[in-house]
Amino acid sequence: MKNLSLKLEDDIFQETELIISKGNKNRNRYINDAIEFYNRLHKRRLLSEQLSKESKIVAQDSLEVLAEFEKLFDEGQAI
């Protein structure tokens, strides 16, 4: 484990203390869980953005391939 000094805004600290007092987690565990949750959320957002960008890059190629398949299908139907 790493030690770190953390400065929280007063309202965030007070809200955290209130929640902790009503639960069964200590402050350290609560903050670790919160950061872990935020990290997972942020990773998902980054992945979503990356997939969106890559999807836009290949979109035109996909449409061209689809058009070629449709052309082949239409030619096969005419026979």
Protein backbone atom coordinates (compact mmCIF):
# COMPACT_ATOMS: atom_id res chain seq x y z
CA MET A 1 0.00 0.00 0.00
CA LYS A 2 1.03 3.56 -0.64
CA ASN A 3 0.58 6.38 1.81
CA LEU A 4 -0.65 9.66 0.48
CA SER A 5 -1.76 12.98 1.77
CA LEU A 6 -5.15 14.02 0.53
CA LYS A 7 -6.95 17.33 0.71
CA LEU A 8 -10.71 17.14 0.38
CA GLU A 9 -13.13 19.98 0.04
CA ASP A 10 -14.97 20.52 3.31
CA ASP A 11 -18.40 19.57 1.96
CA ILE A 12 -17.07 16.36 0.39
CA PHE A 13 -15.32 15.43 3.62
CA GLN A 14 -18.42 16.10 5.73
CA GLU A 15 -20.64 14.08 3.40
CA THR A 16 -18.11 11.23 3.41
CA GLU A 17 -17.94 11.23 7.20
CA LEU A 18 -21.73 11.15 7.44
CA ILE A 19 -21.96 8.19 5.07
CA ILE A 20 -19.14 6.34 6.81
CA SER A 21 -20.74 6.86 10.22
CA LYS A 22 -23.90 5.12 8.96
CA GLY A 23 -22.05 2.23 7.34
CA ASN A 24 -19.59 -0.41 8.35
CA LYS A 25 -16.51 0.70 6.34
CA ASN A 26 -13.65 2.74 7.64
CA ARG A 27 -12.66 5.93 5.86
CA ASN A 28 -9.63 4.38 4.15
CA ARG A 29 -11.63 1.46 2.73
CA TYR A 30 -14.43 3.80 1.62
CA ILE A 31 -12.04 6.12 -0.25
CA ASN A 32 -10.22 3.16 -1.85
CA ASP A 33 -13.53 1.70 -3.04
CA ALA A 34 -14.62 5.09 -4.39
CA ILE A 35 -11.39 5.57 -6.35
CA GLU A 36 -11.55 2.00 -7.67
CA PHE A 37 -15.13 2.60 -8.85
CA TYR A 38 -14.19 5.90 -10.50
CA ASN A 39 -11.21 4.28 -12.23
CA ARG A 40 -13.43 1.54 -13.71
CA LEU A 41 -15.97 4.14 -14.84
CA HIS A 42 -13.28 6.27 -16.45
CA LYS A 43 -11.71 3.25 -18.22
CA ARG A 44 -15.12 2.39 -19.71
CA ARG A 45 -15.58 5.96 -20.95
CA LEU A 46 -12.11 5.95 -22.53
CA LEU A 47 -12.82 2.61 -24.21
CA SER A 48 -16.17 3.88 -25.49
CA GLU A 49 -14.51 6.97 -26.97
CA GLN A 50 -11.81 4.84 -28.59
CA LEU A 51 -14.37 2.45 -30.10
CA SER A 52 -16.41 5.36 -31.40
CA LYS A 53 -13.38 6.92 -33.09
CA GLU A 54 -12.31 3.62 -34.63
CA SER A 55 -15.84 2.90 -35.79
CA LYS A 56 -15.95 6.23 -37.62
CA ILE A 57 -12.61 5.43 -39.28
CA VAL A 58 -13.85 2.13 -40.75
CA ALA A 59 -17.44 3.22 -41.45
CA GLN A 60 -16.83 4.24 -45.06
CA ASP A 61 -14.93 1.03 -45.80
CA SER A 62 -17.75 -1.00 -44.29
CA LEU A 63 -20.30 0.75 -46.49
CA GLU A 64 -18.18 0.07 -49.57
CA VAL A 65 -17.89 -3.63 -48.71
CA LEU A 66 -21.63 -3.81 -48.10
CA ALA A 67 -22.30 -2.19 -51.47
CA GLU A 68 -20.03 -4.76 -53.16
CA PHE A 69 -21.86 -7.64 -51.47
CA GLU A 70 -25.22 -6.17 -52.48
CA LYS A 71 -23.99 -5.84 -56.06
CA LEU A 72 -22.84 -9.49 -56.08
CA PHE A 73 -26.17 -10.58 -54.57
CA ASP A 74 -28.15 -8.57 -57.14
CA GLU A 75 -26.11 -10.06 -60.00
CA GLY A 76 -26.70 -13.57 -58.62
CA GLN A 77 -30.46 -12.92 -58.46
CA ALA A 78 -30.57 -11.84 -62.10
CA ILE A 79 -29.24 -15.21 -63.30
